[in-house]
Amino acid sequence: MDEFTYHVQFSSLGSLGAAPQYWLTGQFLNSLAGGAETDGKHLRIIYPCVEDVRNSNEGYQAGGSFPYNNSVAVKQPYLLDFMYKWRSNHLGRSRAMPHIKTYAAFAKNSLKPLWLLVTSANLSKAAWGDYQLKKTQLTIRSYEFGVLFNDPESLDMLPYDLPLTKYDDNDRMWIVDKTYRMPDVFQKTWPMAKSGRCVLSFGDTVLYEADLKALENGRWLSDPVISFAFEYLHEKTLDETKKSKISFVNAAVCQLIKLTKANEVADLLDELTLKEKEHVIFVVNDHDDPSRSGGSHWSLLICRRDLRPHFLVIDSAQGTSSANRKPTDKLIQTLARYFGLPIDTRIERATKQYNGMDCGMFVIEFTRHYIEVYDKIAVMVKRMSNYSS
């Protein structure tokens, strides 16, 4: 059966033995091959590496769904020889960490599987079984459910890209109980610091005791506090008509858009359904280095897509010296490409801050004021539209 290759993709794995031939390339691989002995070089394992998780849509938090522990990992280092990264560019899901479990067989040089098994079974002896009592019995400890596909249409559902992308020399498997100091896309490390007691839950936003410290005098507002303010304004100050025309993009999502690669950002923006809105409000942070935490200034960017589309910048630290000039320009270029708009940037005259920490409050107030004058803006746009026609 050496002319076939077998792909294994899952979200959790157990203790497989001290050497691959004890179970992985022995019992398990032979089972995939219909009982025929198969060389281990024909096995491919698809599992996120640390960098896949760190740069994912959820950052390190996505790693909580991959409960592979270090106490098990240190006993089976040979797994690295079989490892391939999670890549799903053809579905726009490379940054969405997979919880799906799939197993597939491929003929030599083929990019379409002969069969595809979609199942609840992870890679473990408990799920797939293990010979015991001198191979006189097969012990399976878990109830699993799966569907085996072999029709041409269903085989096109393969969730990952081909050809596979092998781990780089410095890549390591994601291990849930290890410490990772390199900040993720949300500037968080792993394990995430405990935030204390939950003090408020509103919509998609949760605030903890640690977030309240951002409200103390002399501190910057944090991402969660600004996100709460945006969500509160959206839900409590907009009627259904305005909600259909105005969209808020909170601090964390805006940062994700800034740091997403150009060839992947359209998929992210599509999920936000922004093309249906006339006014899209972004809160922009000046931090643009994903390799470390940081950031010291907030400003507002509004993409107006009504009669005369343009980008409106509202910044309490006005002028060309503003720390947000560069990241804002970068975001405008990304949005202009996505919406198919010319780059027409206008700087709104706004109240200026006189200290180094009130920018977050100004962003919230600028947003609240923009909502308050929205009706006047809509009337002006309607009049201009009637005049043009």
Protein backbone atom coordinates (compact mmCIF):
# COMPACT_ATOMS: atom_id res chain seq x y z
CA MET A 1 0.00 0.00 0.00
CA ASP A 2 3.02 2.28 -0.34
CA GLU A 3 1.42 4.07 -3.27
CA PHE A 4 -1.05 5.70 -0.88
CA THR A 5 -0.59 8.59 1.56
CA TYR A 6 -2.78 9.17 4.61
CA HIS A 7 -3.66 12.56 6.11
CA VAL A 8 -4.70 12.84 9.76
CA GLN A 9 -6.18 16.08 11.13
CA PHE A 10 -7.63 16.54 14.63
CA SER A 11 -7.75 18.82 17.68
CA SER A 12 -6.50 16.55 20.46
CA LEU A 13 -4.17 13.59 20.79
CA GLY A 14 -3.36 11.16 23.53
CA SER A 15 -0.42 9.06 24.63
CA LEU A 16 0.62 7.02 21.58
CA GLY A 17 3.67 5.20 22.91
CA ALA A 18 7.40 5.80 23.20
CA ALA A 19 8.07 5.12 19.49
CA PRO A 20 5.86 5.53 16.40
CA GLN A 21 5.86 1.84 15.49
CA TYR A 22 4.26 0.90 18.81
CA TRP A 23 0.90 2.28 17.69
CA LEU A 24 0.96 5.32 15.35
CA THR A 25 2.67 3.78 12.31
CA GLY A 26 1.75 0.27 13.40
CA GLN A 27 -1.82 -0.47 14.43
CA PHE A 28 -3.27 2.92 13.51
CA LEU A 29 -1.67 3.45 10.09
CA ASN A 30 -2.29 -0.17 9.12
CA SER A 31 -5.97 0.32 9.98
CA LEU A 32 -6.17 3.37 7.68
CA ALA A 33 -4.57 1.24 4.97
CA GLY A 34 -7.20 -1.47 5.25
CA GLY A 35 -5.05 -3.81 7.31
CA ALA A 36 -1.99 -3.66 5.07
CA GLU A 37 1.42 -2.87 6.52
CA THR A 38 2.44 0.64 5.42
CA ASP A 39 5.67 2.59 5.81
CA GLY A 40 5.41 5.48 8.28
CA LYS A 41 6.71 7.92 5.65
CA HIS A 42 3.23 7.82 4.10
CA LEU A 43 1.58 9.37 7.17
CA ARG A 44 0.92 13.14 7.37
CA ILE A 45 -0.35 14.79 10.56
CA ILE A 46 -2.01 18.21 10.31
CA TYR A 47 -1.99 20.05 13.63
CA PRO A 48 -1.51 23.76 14.44
CA CYS A 49 1.97 24.86 15.43
CA VAL A 50 2.47 27.58 18.05
CA GLU A 51 2.67 30.31 15.39
CA ASP A 52 -0.60 29.13 13.82
CA VAL A 53 -2.36 29.60 17.16
CA ARG A 54 -0.58 32.86 18.04
CA ASN A 55 -1.59 34.51 14.76
CA SER A 56 -5.10 33.05 14.62
CA ASN A 57 -8.34 35.04 14.74
CA GLU A 58 -8.66 34.33 18.46
CA GLY A 59 -4.96 34.47 19.30
CA TYR A 60 -3.75 32.22 22.10
CA GLN A 61 -7.30 31.78 23.34
CA ALA A 62 -7.90 29.44 20.39
CA GLY A 63 -5.26 27.14 21.87
CA GLY A 64 -7.64 26.19 24.66
CA SER A 65 -9.39 23.93 22.15
CA PHE A 66 -6.19 21.92 21.58
CA PRO A 67 -5.62 20.21 24.96
CA TYR A 68 -2.30 18.52 24.25
CA ASN A 69 -0.34 18.47 27.51
CA ASN A 70 3.42 18.76 27.94
CA SER A 71 3.57 15.69 30.20
CA VAL A 72 2.45 13.63 27.19
CA ALA A 73 4.35 15.59 24.55
CA VAL A 74 7.78 15.05 26.13
CA LYS A 75 7.29 11.27 25.78
CA GLN A 76 6.62 11.35 22.03
CA PRO A 77 8.95 13.91 20.37
CA TYR A 78 8.95 11.76 17.23
CA LEU A 79 5.62 13.34 16.26
CA LEU A 80 7.47 16.38 14.89
CA ASP A 81 8.69 14.22 12.00
CA PHE A 82 5.09 13.82 10.80
CA MET A 83 3.83 17.36 11.38
CA TYR A 84 2.24 19.77 8.89
CA LYS A 85 0.74 23.19 9.55
CA TRP A 86 -2.94 24.07 9.42
CA ARG A 87 -3.51 25.97 6.16
CA SER A 88 -6.93 26.64 4.61
CA ASN A 89 -6.45 29.62 2.31
CA HIS A 90 -8.86 28.26 -0.31
CA LEU A 91 -11.67 28.56 2.26
CA GLY A 92 -10.34 31.71 3.91
CA ARG A 93 -9.90 29.82 7.19
CA SER A 94 -6.16 29.63 7.74
CA ARG A 95 -6.52 31.89 10.78
CA ALA A 96 -9.55 29.98 12.11
CA MET A 97 -8.18 27.17 14.26
CA PRO A 98 -9.96 23.89 13.40
CA HIS A 99 -11.90 21.73 15.82
CA ILE A 100 -12.95 19.39 13.01
CA LYS A 101 -11.45 15.88 12.76
CA THR A 102 -10.75 14.42 9.33
CA TYR A 103 -8.88 11.43 7.95
CA ALA A 104 -8.19 10.92 4.25
CA ALA A 105 -6.35 8.66 1.81
CA PHE A 106 -4.59 9.90 -1.33
CA ALA A 107 -3.21 8.05 -4.33
CA LYS A 108 0.34 8.92 -5.35
CA ASN A 109 0.66 12.49 -6.74
CA SER A 110 -3.10 13.06 -6.37
CA LEU A 111 -4.59 16.24 -4.87
CA LYS A 112 -8.02 14.69 -4.40
CA PRO A 113 -8.65 12.05 -1.71
CA LEU A 114 -9.89 8.56 -2.46
CA TRP A 115 -11.99 8.75 0.67
CA LEU A 116 -12.62 11.29 3.42
CA LEU A 117 -13.72 10.46 6.96
CA VAL A 118 -15.27 13.30 8.98
CA THR A 119 -15.60 12.13 12.56
CA SER A 120 -15.63 12.97 16.24
CA ALA A 121 -12.57 10.77 16.80
CA ASN A 122 -9.33 12.47 17.76
CA LEU A 123 -5.95 10.77 17.42
CA SER A 124 -5.92 8.49 20.45
CA LYS A 125 -5.95 4.85 21.40
CA ALA A 126 -9.21 5.46 23.25
CA ALA A 127 -10.93 6.57 20.04
CA TRP A 128 -9.34 4.21 17.51
CA GLY A 129 -8.60 1.20 19.67
CA ASP A 130 -5.54 -0.66 20.92
CA TYR A 131 -4.66 -4.35 20.76
CA GLN A 132 -4.40 -6.04 24.15
CA LEU A 133 -3.81 -9.53 25.57
CA LYS A 134 -1.25 -10.43 22.91
CA LYS A 135 -3.45 -8.98 20.17
CA THR A 136 -6.36 -11.23 21.03
CA GLN A 137 -8.69 -8.30 21.63
CA LEU A 138 -9.12 -4.72 20.46
CA THR A 139 -10.10 -2.29 23.22
CA ILE A 140 -11.94 0.91 22.23
CA ARG A 141 -12.83 3.16 25.14
CA SER A 142 -14.74 6.00 23.43
CA TYR A 143 -17.99 6.16 21.53
CA GLU A 144 -17.38 8.12 18.31
CA PHE A 145 -19.45 9.06 15.29
CA GLY A 146 -18.23 9.63 11.74
CA VAL A 147 -19.31 9.82 8.12
CA LEU A 148 -17.20 8.27 5.35
CA PHE A 149 -17.36 10.05 1.99
CA ASN A 150 -16.18 8.64 -1.32
CA ASP A 151 -18.37 10.41 -3.89
CA PRO A 152 -16.59 13.06 -6.02
CA GLU A 153 -18.71 16.00 -4.85
CA SER A 154 -18.18 15.32 -1.14
CA LEU A 155 -14.45 14.79 -1.60
CA ASP A 156 -14.20 18.46 -2.59
CA MET A 157 -15.03 19.34 1.04
CA LEU A 158 -11.44 18.78 2.15
CA PRO A 159 -10.96 21.52 4.80
CA TYR A 160 -7.22 22.16 4.34
CA ASP A 161 -4.96 23.25 1.48
CA LEU A 162 -2.96 20.95 -0.75
CA PRO A 163 -0.10 20.45 -1.05
CA LEU A 164 0.48 20.42 2.70
CA THR A 165 2.82 22.89 4.43
CA LYS A 166 5.44 21.13 6.55
CA TYR A 167 6.57 22.53 9.90
CA ASP A 168 9.65 24.77 9.68
CA ASP A 169 12.72 23.71 11.64
CA ASN A 170 11.86 26.11 14.48
CA ASP A 171 8.14 25.27 14.60
CA ARG A 172 6.73 23.37 17.56
CA MET A 173 3.38 21.72 18.18
CA TRP A 174 0.92 23.75 20.23
CA ILE A 175 0.99 22.49 23.83
CA VAL A 176 -1.75 23.95 25.98
CA ASP A 177 0.03 24.00 29.35
CA LYS A 178 3.29 25.62 28.20
CA THR A 179 4.13 29.32 28.56
CA TYR A 180 4.34 31.53 25.46
CA ARG A 181 5.78 35.02 25.93
CA MET A 182 5.56 36.26 22.34
CA PRO A 183 2.35 38.41 22.23
CA ASP A 184 -0.48 37.21 20.01
CA VAL A 185 -2.61 39.37 17.69
CA PHE A 186 -4.37 40.83 20.74
CA GLN A 187 -1.05 41.55 22.51
CA LYS A 188 -1.76 38.75 25.01
CA THR A 189 0.63 36.09 26.27
CA TRP A 190 -0.17 32.52 27.36
CA PRO A 191 -1.36 31.49 29.82
CA MET A 192 -3.50 34.60 29.98
CA ALA A 193 -3.31 36.60 33.16
CA LYS A 194 -6.25 36.16 35.49
CA SER A 195 -8.48 39.21 35.31
CA GLY A 196 -10.28 38.70 38.60
CA ARG A 197 -14.02 38.78 39.17
CA CYS A 198 -16.38 39.57 36.30
CA VAL A 199 -18.04 42.93 37.04
CA LEU A 200 -20.07 43.47 33.86
CA SER A 201 -21.33 41.49 30.89
CA PHE A 202 -22.97 43.36 28.04
CA GLY A 203 -23.53 41.81 24.62
CA ASP A 204 -20.20 40.40 23.46
CA THR A 205 -18.17 42.39 26.01
CA VAL A 206 -17.11 41.21 29.47
CA LEU A 207 -15.34 43.51 31.93
CA TYR A 208 -13.32 42.23 34.89
CA GLU A 209 -11.92 43.84 37.99
CA ALA A 210 -8.61 44.37 36.18
CA ASP A 211 -10.41 46.45 33.52
CA LEU A 212 -11.73 48.83 36.16
CA LYS A 213 -8.17 49.95 36.89
CA ALA A 214 -8.16 51.53 33.43
CA LEU A 215 -10.73 54.00 34.76
CA GLU A 216 -8.43 55.28 37.48
CA ASN A 217 -6.93 58.73 37.09
CA GLY A 218 -3.76 58.81 35.01
CA ARG A 219 -4.42 55.58 33.08
CA TRP A 220 -5.26 54.82 29.45
CA LEU A 221 -8.59 53.18 28.71
CA SER A 222 -8.16 49.51 27.82
CA ASP A 223 -9.46 47.68 24.74
CA PRO A 224 -12.34 46.02 26.66
CA VAL A 225 -13.51 49.33 28.16
CA ILE A 226 -13.60 51.05 24.77
CA SER A 227 -15.25 47.98 23.22
CA PHE A 228 -17.93 48.12 25.92
CA ALA A 229 -18.53 51.82 25.21
CA PHE A 230 -18.90 51.12 21.48
CA GLU A 231 -21.29 48.23 22.04
CA TYR A 232 -23.34 50.23 24.53
CA LEU A 233 -23.64 53.19 22.15
CA HIS A 234 -24.65 50.89 19.31
CA GLU A 235 -27.33 49.05 21.30
CA LYS A 236 -28.71 51.90 23.42
CA THR A 237 -28.52 54.99 21.21
CA LEU A 238 -29.31 53.68 17.72
CA ASP A 239 -32.75 52.71 16.48
CA GLU A 240 -33.14 49.88 13.97
CA THR A 241 -32.92 52.21 10.98
CA LYS A 242 -29.62 53.67 12.17
CA LYS A 243 -28.27 50.21 13.03
CA SER A 244 -28.84 49.22 9.41
CA LYS A 245 -26.64 52.11 8.26
CA ILE A 246 -23.99 52.44 11.01
CA SER A 247 -21.46 49.84 12.14
CA PHE A 248 -18.89 50.00 14.94
CA VAL A 249 -15.61 48.08 14.68
CA ASN A 250 -14.14 47.74 18.16
CA ALA A 251 -10.51 48.09 19.16
CA ALA A 252 -9.59 44.40 19.10
CA VAL A 253 -11.14 43.72 15.69
CA CYS A 254 -9.62 46.89 14.24
CA GLN A 255 -6.19 45.76 15.43
CA LEU A 256 -6.78 42.37 13.83
CA ILE A 257 -7.65 44.03 10.51
CA LYS A 258 -4.47 46.12 10.68
CA LEU A 259 -2.26 43.09 11.30
CA THR A 260 -3.90 40.68 8.87
CA LYS A 261 -2.06 39.97 5.63
CA ALA A 262 -3.39 41.79 2.56
CA ASN A 263 -4.39 38.57 0.81
CA GLU A 264 -6.46 37.43 3.82
CA VAL A 265 -8.07 40.64 5.08
CA ALA A 266 -11.00 40.53 2.61
CA ASP A 267 -12.27 37.30 4.19
CA LEU A 268 -12.14 38.89 7.63
CA LEU A 269 -13.98 42.02 6.47
CA ASP A 270 -16.61 39.93 4.67
CA GLU A 271 -17.54 38.32 7.98
CA LEU A 272 -18.31 41.79 9.39
CA THR A 273 -20.82 42.54 6.56
CA LEU A 274 -19.52 46.11 6.34
CA LYS A 275 -20.49 46.59 2.70
CA GLU A 276 -24.10 46.91 3.83
CA LYS A 277 -23.30 50.00 5.94
CA GLU A 278 -23.02 53.68 5.01
CA HIS A 279 -21.00 54.71 8.07
CA VAL A 280 -18.33 52.37 9.49
CA ILE A 281 -16.60 53.63 12.64
CA PHE A 282 -13.16 52.27 13.58
CA VAL A 283 -11.19 52.93 16.76
CA VAL A 284 -7.50 52.95 15.81
CA ASN A 285 -4.49 52.24 18.02
CA ASP A 286 -0.99 53.39 17.04
CA HIS A 287 0.58 50.00 17.75
CA ASP A 288 1.66 48.13 14.61
CA ASP A 289 4.25 45.60 15.79
CA PRO A 290 2.63 42.16 16.39
CA SER A 291 5.81 40.80 17.98
CA ARG A 292 5.41 42.82 21.18
CA SER A 293 2.76 44.52 23.28
CA GLY A 294 2.37 48.28 23.22
CA GLY A 295 0.38 51.24 21.93
CA SER A 296 -0.08 54.70 23.38
CA HIS A 297 -2.80 56.53 21.45
CA TRP A 298 -6.38 56.06 20.23
CA SER A 299 -8.10 57.92 17.41
CA LEU A 300 -11.24 57.56 15.32
CA LEU A 301 -11.56 56.67 11.65
CA ILE A 302 -14.95 56.81 9.93
CA CYS A 303 -15.47 55.32 6.49
CA ARG A 304 -18.39 57.22 4.97
CA ARG A 305 -19.99 55.47 2.02
CA ASP A 306 -23.04 57.65 1.42
CA LEU A 307 -23.29 60.25 -1.37
CA ARG A 308 -19.63 61.26 -1.54
CA PRO A 309 -17.55 58.44 -0.04
CA HIS A 310 -14.50 59.48 1.97
CA PHE A 311 -12.51 58.68 5.11
CA LEU A 312 -12.94 60.98 8.09
CA VAL A 313 -10.15 61.10 10.69
CA ILE A 314 -10.98 62.48 14.15
CA ASP A 315 -7.92 62.67 16.40
CA SER A 316 -7.52 64.46 19.73
CA ALA A 317 -3.76 64.73 19.01
CA GLN A 318 -4.16 66.62 15.76
CA GLY A 319 -1.50 67.33 13.22
CA THR A 320 1.08 65.39 11.25
CA SER A 321 2.90 64.51 14.48
CA SER A 322 0.06 62.28 15.72
CA ALA A 323 1.29 58.77 16.51
CA ASN A 324 -1.76 57.38 14.70
CA ARG A 325 -0.97 58.93 11.32
CA LYS A 326 0.91 55.91 9.94
CA PRO A 327 -1.43 53.10 11.18
CA THR A 328 -4.47 55.15 10.13
CA ASP A 329 -3.10 55.65 6.61
CA LYS A 330 -2.37 51.92 6.40
CA LEU A 331 -5.91 51.06 7.49
CA ILE A 332 -7.37 53.54 4.99
CA GLN A 333 -5.44 51.88 2.16
CA THR A 334 -6.76 48.47 3.22
CA LEU A 335 -10.36 49.69 3.42
CA ALA A 336 -10.15 51.61 0.14
CA ARG A 337 -9.08 48.43 -1.66
CA TYR A 338 -11.82 46.41 -0.01
CA PHE A 339 -14.66 48.86 -0.65
CA GLY A 340 -13.34 49.94 -4.04
CA LEU A 341 -13.14 53.59 -2.96
CA PRO A 342 -10.74 56.37 -3.90
CA ILE A 343 -8.49 57.50 -1.06
CA ASP A 344 -10.17 60.75 -0.05
CA THR A 345 -9.04 61.47 3.52
CA ARG A 346 -10.43 64.41 5.49
CA ILE A 347 -9.19 65.57 8.88
CA GLU A 348 -12.01 66.76 11.11
CA ARG A 349 -11.32 69.69 13.41
CA ALA A 350 -11.77 68.33 16.90
CA THR A 351 -11.19 69.13 20.55
CA LYS A 352 -7.57 68.61 21.49
CA GLN A 353 -6.35 66.65 24.49
CA TYR A 354 -3.81 68.27 26.82
CA ASN A 355 -2.41 65.21 28.56
CA GLY A 356 -1.09 61.81 27.55
CA MET A 357 -3.89 59.51 28.65
CA ASP A 358 -7.32 60.90 27.72
CA CYS A 359 -7.35 59.79 24.06
CA GLY A 360 -9.65 56.86 24.84
CA MET A 361 -12.25 59.13 26.43
CA PHE A 362 -12.03 61.48 23.45
CA VAL A 363 -12.63 58.57 21.05
CA ILE A 364 -15.79 57.60 22.95
CA GLU A 365 -17.04 61.20 23.04
CA PHE A 366 -16.26 61.78 19.37
CA THR A 367 -18.28 58.66 18.55
CA ARG A 368 -21.21 59.72 20.74
CA HIS A 369 -21.24 63.18 19.14
CA TYR A 370 -21.10 61.73 15.62
CA ILE A 371 -24.15 59.61 16.40
CA GLU A 372 -25.97 62.64 17.81
CA VAL A 373 -25.45 64.66 14.62
CA TYR A 374 -26.15 61.68 12.34
CA ASP A 375 -29.70 62.89 11.61
CA LYS A 376 -28.35 66.23 10.42
CA ILE A 377 -25.79 64.44 8.25
CA ALA A 378 -28.53 62.26 6.73
CA VAL A 379 -30.68 65.31 5.93
CA MET A 380 -27.73 67.07 4.26
CA VAL A 381 -26.93 63.97 2.20
CA LYS A 382 -30.56 63.68 1.10
CA ARG A 383 -30.66 67.32 0.06
CA MET A 384 -27.41 66.98 -1.89
CA SER A 385 -28.74 63.84 -3.55
CA ASN A 386 -31.94 65.60 -4.59
CA TYR A 387 -29.93 68.55 -5.87
CA SER A 388 -27.65 66.27 -7.90
CA SER A 389 -30.59 64.48 -9.45
